Amino acid sequence: MKIENIDVIKSSGEKVKFSLDKLYLSLKRTGADDMIINQILDKVRDELYQGISTKEIYNRAFALLKKNKNLLASKYKLKKAIYELGPTGFPFERFVSAILNYSGYKTKVGTILQGKCVSHEIDVIAHKNSEATMIECKFHSEQGLNCNVKIPLYINSRYQDIKANWNQNQKKETSLSEGWVVTNTRFTKDALQYGSCAGLYLLSWDHPKDNGLKDRIDRLGLYPITVSTLLTNREKQFLLSRNVVLCRELIQDRFYLDHLGISEMRKTKITTEILQLCD
């Protein structure tokens, strides 16, 4: 059977045709050279069958990358690593805040803001120059769950209520000029259409084109600690519980590794991996 006739089952349950080009591009994004990529493509192609899941294809490609180089495998698992920030959304909020900090914003997480009608707890408030941005984060710990139109509808009503109070307050040094919705998954077509019409900025895994979460993370080298292939799940959760979300933060505060109770050899390997990711 030709590979273009192979049906693949996505995490949402949707059936799509297998695309060798998509797999190639996802592997290329890790920095792997064509020789490694072609070896992986050949092995994955040989193991394809009708109705294979995208998860199984991912697991096979990940294992083959890890066999070649841990660093490549870490970059390849970026999307999965974002899900591993859960089960609560708070580490994701801190992650979004950190990305904005490295983009020139000053941010605060979990702020109570007074609207014209009621008060609201806002995930992230970001300031840059004389403007403020209200950001709400919608985290999903399971793949296949997308943000429908109800989410930007709800968030826009909160944004408008806060904006009405904010911009009439003469004590404010900045104007509230933008509302964002950020998710680690994707937005439905209706959600994107409403966001564009209402003037909300929607940021998802791959939207806007070439400037989605994955693009910003790769461009800035702001990988979450959950991408590490050397840290155990227990160790990752320990670091997240202490608000260490980025690999860069672990470089700056290496004493956290001392609290993990690991050998000097493991510390060196983990530090080397993280330094390479942030380079």
Protein backbone atom coordinates (compact mmCIF):
# COMPACT_ATOMS: atom_id res chain seq x y z
CA MET A 1 0.00 0.00 0.00
CA LYS A 2 1.26 3.47 -0.90
CA ILE A 3 2.01 5.65 2.13
CA GLU A 4 -0.22 8.44 0.80
CA ASN A 5 -3.15 6.06 1.24
CA ILE A 6 -2.40 5.37 4.91
CA ASP A 7 -5.01 6.78 7.29
CA VAL A 8 -3.63 8.21 10.54
CA ILE A 9 -5.75 8.78 13.65
CA LYS A 10 -5.09 12.09 15.44
CA SER A 11 -5.47 12.54 19.21
CA SER A 12 -8.84 14.22 18.57
CA GLY A 13 -10.07 11.06 16.84
CA GLU A 14 -9.97 12.75 13.42
CA LYS A 15 -8.76 10.59 10.52
CA VAL A 16 -6.22 12.17 8.13
CA LYS A 17 -3.84 10.94 5.46
CA PHE A 18 -0.27 10.30 6.51
CA SER A 19 2.12 13.04 5.37
CA LEU A 20 5.80 12.24 5.03
CA ASP A 21 6.48 15.95 4.43
CA LYS A 22 4.96 16.93 7.79
CA LEU A 23 7.04 14.33 9.60
CA TYR A 24 10.15 15.54 7.77
CA LEU A 25 9.51 19.17 8.76
CA SER A 26 8.89 18.28 12.42
CA LEU A 27 12.20 16.40 12.49
CA LYS A 28 14.02 19.17 10.61
CA ARG A 29 12.88 21.69 13.23
CA THR A 30 14.99 19.88 15.84
CA GLY A 31 18.19 20.68 13.95
CA ALA A 32 18.75 17.08 12.88
CA ASP A 33 20.69 16.66 9.62
CA ASP A 34 19.17 15.02 6.54
CA MET A 35 21.08 11.77 7.04
CA ILE A 36 19.50 11.20 10.49
CA ILE A 37 16.09 12.38 9.26
CA ASN A 38 16.10 10.05 6.25
CA GLN A 39 17.09 7.09 8.44
CA ILE A 40 14.13 7.82 10.73
CA LEU A 41 11.73 8.35 7.82
CA ASP A 42 12.75 5.00 6.32
CA LYS A 43 12.13 3.15 9.61
CA VAL A 44 8.82 4.88 10.32
CA ARG A 45 7.67 4.26 6.73
CA ASP A 46 8.39 0.54 7.09
CA GLU A 47 6.26 0.34 10.27
CA LEU A 48 3.20 2.21 9.01
CA TYR A 49 -0.17 0.46 8.95
CA GLN A 50 -3.76 1.48 8.28
CA GLY A 51 -5.22 3.37 11.26
CA ILE A 52 -1.92 4.00 13.06
CA SER A 53 -2.15 6.81 15.63
CA THR A 54 -0.15 10.02 15.47
CA LYS A 55 0.98 9.18 19.02
CA GLU A 56 2.55 5.92 17.88
CA ILE A 57 4.35 7.66 15.00
CA TYR A 58 5.59 10.33 17.43
CA ASN A 59 6.82 7.73 19.95
CA ARG A 60 8.74 5.85 17.28
CA ALA A 61 10.37 8.99 15.84
CA PHE A 62 11.19 10.25 19.35
CA ALA A 63 12.88 6.96 20.31
CA LEU A 64 14.97 6.98 17.13
CA LEU A 65 16.00 10.62 17.67
CA LYS A 66 16.94 9.93 21.28
CA LYS A 67 19.10 7.03 20.14
CA ASN A 68 21.03 9.48 17.96
CA LYS A 69 21.19 12.49 20.30
CA ASN A 70 19.31 13.53 23.45
CA LEU A 71 19.28 17.18 22.41
CA LEU A 72 17.36 16.42 19.21
CA ALA A 73 14.84 14.32 21.12
CA SER A 74 14.33 17.12 23.66
CA LYS A 75 13.47 19.61 20.91
CA TYR A 76 11.21 17.10 19.17
CA LYS A 77 9.13 16.58 22.31
CA LEU A 78 8.41 20.31 22.75
CA LYS A 79 4.67 20.02 22.13
CA LYS A 80 4.35 17.09 24.53
CA ALA A 81 6.51 18.94 27.06
CA ILE A 82 4.01 21.82 27.15
CA TYR A 83 1.24 19.36 28.08
CA GLU A 84 3.50 18.07 30.85
CA LEU A 85 3.39 21.50 32.51
CA GLY A 86 -0.05 20.43 33.86
CA PRO A 87 -2.30 19.21 35.29
CA THR A 88 -3.05 22.76 36.55
CA GLY A 89 -2.68 25.78 34.28
CA PHE A 90 -0.46 27.82 36.63
CA PRO A 91 2.93 26.64 35.29
CA PHE A 92 1.67 27.42 31.78
CA GLU A 93 0.74 30.94 32.89
CA ARG A 94 4.26 31.39 34.28
CA PHE A 95 5.67 29.96 31.06
CA VAL A 96 3.72 32.47 28.93
CA SER A 97 4.80 35.25 31.29
CA ALA A 98 8.45 34.23 30.93
CA ILE A 99 8.25 34.22 27.12
CA LEU A 100 6.88 37.77 27.22
CA ASN A 101 9.58 38.89 29.68
CA TYR A 102 12.24 37.77 27.21
CA SER A 103 10.39 39.73 24.50
CA GLY A 104 10.71 43.04 26.34
CA TYR A 105 7.55 43.03 28.47
CA LYS A 106 7.28 43.42 32.24
CA THR A 107 4.71 40.97 33.50
CA LYS A 108 2.69 40.02 36.58
CA VAL A 109 0.92 36.68 37.04
CA GLY A 110 -2.43 36.24 38.84
CA THR A 111 -3.52 39.86 39.29
CA ILE A 112 -6.93 41.04 40.51
CA LEU A 113 -8.18 43.92 38.35
CA GLN A 114 -11.27 46.02 38.85
CA GLY A 115 -13.62 46.26 35.91
CA LYS A 116 -16.42 48.77 35.41
CA CYS A 117 -18.93 46.19 36.68
CA VAL A 118 -17.01 43.55 38.67
CA SER A 119 -13.45 42.57 39.61
CA HIS A 120 -11.54 39.89 37.66
CA GLU A 121 -8.54 37.65 38.33
CA ILE A 122 -6.31 37.91 35.29
CA ASP A 123 -3.68 35.31 34.39
CA VAL A 124 -1.00 37.72 33.09
CA ILE A 125 -0.75 41.50 32.79
CA ALA A 126 2.09 42.65 30.52
CA HIS A 127 3.47 46.19 30.22
CA LYS A 128 5.61 47.53 27.40
CA ASN A 129 6.36 51.20 26.81
CA SER A 130 3.13 53.05 27.68
CA GLU A 131 0.75 50.20 26.90
CA ALA A 132 -0.68 47.31 28.91
CA THR A 133 -1.91 43.93 27.66
CA MET A 134 -4.36 41.61 29.42
CA ILE A 135 -3.60 37.94 28.78
CA GLU A 136 -5.75 34.94 29.60
CA CYS A 137 -4.22 31.46 29.29
CA LYS A 138 -6.25 28.37 28.41
CA PHE A 139 -4.25 25.26 29.20
CA HIS A 140 -5.24 21.74 28.17
CA SER A 141 -3.40 18.77 29.68
CA GLU A 142 -4.80 16.41 27.04
CA GLN A 143 -4.24 16.50 23.30
CA GLY A 144 -7.18 16.88 20.96
CA LEU A 145 -9.00 19.52 23.05
CA ASN A 146 -9.20 22.77 21.10
CA CYS A 147 -10.50 26.20 22.14
CA ASN A 148 -13.90 26.93 20.64
CA VAL A 149 -15.54 30.33 20.08
CA LYS A 150 -17.01 30.44 23.60
CA ILE A 151 -13.57 31.09 25.09
CA PRO A 152 -12.65 34.31 23.19
CA LEU A 153 -16.29 35.45 23.57
CA TYR A 154 -16.06 35.12 27.36
CA ILE A 155 -12.58 36.63 27.62
CA ASN A 156 -13.48 39.58 25.40
CA SER A 157 -16.36 40.49 27.73
CA ARG A 158 -13.95 40.51 30.69
CA TYR A 159 -11.39 42.50 28.72
CA GLN A 160 -13.96 45.15 27.76
CA ASP A 161 -15.15 45.45 31.38
CA ILE A 162 -11.59 45.94 32.67
CA LYS A 163 -10.68 48.30 29.81
CA ALA A 164 -13.69 50.52 30.55
CA ASN A 165 -12.47 51.03 34.11
CA TRP A 166 -8.72 51.07 33.37
CA ASN A 167 -8.68 53.78 30.73
CA GLN A 168 -10.86 56.21 32.68
CA ASN A 169 -8.55 55.93 35.72
CA GLN A 170 -6.28 58.97 35.54
CA LYS A 171 -3.79 57.37 37.96
CA LYS A 172 -2.90 54.69 35.42
CA GLU A 173 0.43 55.36 33.71
CA THR A 174 -0.41 53.03 30.83
CA SER A 175 -3.42 52.47 28.59
CA LEU A 176 -4.93 49.00 28.31
CA SER A 177 -4.64 48.53 24.57
CA GLU A 178 -4.84 44.81 23.88
CA GLY A 179 -6.44 41.59 25.05
CA TRP A 180 -4.84 38.20 24.35
CA VAL A 181 -5.97 34.60 24.58
CA VAL A 182 -3.13 32.06 24.70
CA THR A 183 -3.57 28.29 24.48
CA ASN A 184 -1.20 25.34 24.22
CA THR A 185 -3.53 23.65 21.72
CA ARG A 186 -5.39 25.21 18.80
CA PHE A 187 -8.37 27.48 18.16
CA THR A 188 -11.37 26.42 16.11
CA LYS A 189 -12.14 28.31 12.89
CA ASP A 190 -15.02 30.19 14.58
CA ALA A 191 -12.78 31.18 17.49
CA LEU A 192 -10.16 32.60 15.10
CA GLN A 193 -12.84 34.43 13.13
CA TYR A 194 -14.33 35.98 16.26
CA GLY A 195 -10.92 36.94 17.65
CA SER A 196 -10.04 38.73 14.42
CA CYS A 197 -13.40 40.52 14.28
CA ALA A 198 -13.36 41.53 17.97
CA GLY A 199 -9.74 42.69 17.93
CA LEU A 200 -8.46 39.99 20.32
CA TYR A 201 -4.97 38.62 19.74
CA LEU A 202 -5.10 34.82 19.66
CA LEU A 203 -1.87 32.89 20.24
CA SER A 204 -1.81 29.09 19.97
CA TRP A 205 0.65 26.30 19.24
CA ASP A 206 0.86 27.24 15.54
CA HIS A 207 -1.08 30.53 15.24
CA PRO A 208 -0.31 33.17 14.05
CA LYS A 209 1.60 31.62 11.17
CA ASP A 210 5.36 31.67 11.84
CA ASN A 211 4.77 33.40 15.19
CA GLY A 212 2.90 30.78 17.22
CA LEU A 213 4.10 29.38 20.53
CA LYS A 214 6.39 26.81 18.95
CA ASP A 215 8.03 29.48 16.75
CA ARG A 216 8.58 31.87 19.67
CA ILE A 217 10.04 29.12 21.85
CA ASP A 218 12.46 27.93 19.16
CA ARG A 219 13.43 31.49 18.19
CA LEU A 220 14.14 32.60 21.78
CA GLY A 221 15.45 29.26 23.07
CA LEU A 222 12.86 29.39 25.87
CA TYR A 223 12.28 25.68 26.41
CA PRO A 224 10.30 24.45 29.43
CA ILE A 225 12.18 22.13 31.79
CA THR A 226 9.74 19.39 30.81
CA VAL A 227 11.56 18.95 27.46
CA SER A 228 14.50 17.38 29.28
CA THR A 229 15.03 13.71 28.47
CA LEU A 230 17.34 13.32 31.48
CA LEU A 231 15.16 14.67 34.30
CA THR A 232 12.61 12.22 35.70
CA ASN A 233 8.92 13.15 36.02
CA ARG A 234 9.36 13.43 39.80
CA GLU A 235 12.29 15.81 39.37
CA LYS A 236 10.39 17.93 36.86
CA GLN A 237 7.41 18.22 39.21
CA PHE A 238 9.75 19.19 42.06
CA LEU A 239 11.20 22.03 39.98
CA LEU A 240 7.78 23.18 38.75
CA SER A 241 6.52 23.27 42.34
CA ARG A 242 9.31 25.76 43.04
CA ASN A 243 8.32 27.91 40.04
CA VAL A 244 11.27 26.79 37.91
CA VAL A 245 9.56 26.59 34.52
CA LEU A 246 12.26 27.46 31.98
CA CYS A 247 15.53 25.68 31.29
CA ARG A 248 17.15 29.13 31.43
CA GLU A 249 15.95 29.53 35.01
CA LEU A 250 17.64 26.29 35.99
CA ILE A 251 20.91 27.55 34.53
CA GLN A 252 20.64 30.74 36.60
CA ASP A 253 19.68 28.85 39.79
CA ARG A 254 21.61 25.59 39.57
CA PHE A 255 21.34 25.10 43.32
CA TYR A 256 17.90 23.56 42.62
CA LEU A 257 19.76 20.55 41.22
CA ASP A 258 21.39 20.10 44.63
CA HIS A 259 17.95 19.54 46.15
CA LEU A 260 17.21 16.69 43.75
CA GLY A 261 19.66 14.39 45.53
CA ILE A 262 21.42 13.30 42.34
CA SER A 263 25.05 12.50 41.59
CA GLU A 264 27.53 15.06 40.31
CA MET A 265 27.75 13.09 37.05
CA ARG A 266 23.99 13.40 36.48
CA LYS A 267 24.10 17.10 37.39
CA THR A 268 26.77 17.63 34.74
CA LYS A 269 24.81 15.73 32.08
CA ILE A 270 21.57 17.62 32.86
CA THR A 271 23.36 20.99 32.88
CA THR A 272 25.06 20.21 29.56
CA GLU A 273 21.75 19.24 27.97
CA ILE A 274 20.05 22.42 29.19
CA LEU A 275 22.91 24.68 28.10
CA GLN A 276 22.74 23.20 24.60
CA LEU A 277 18.97 23.76 24.47
CA CYS A 278 19.31 27.41 25.48
CA ASP A 279 22.19 28.11 23.10
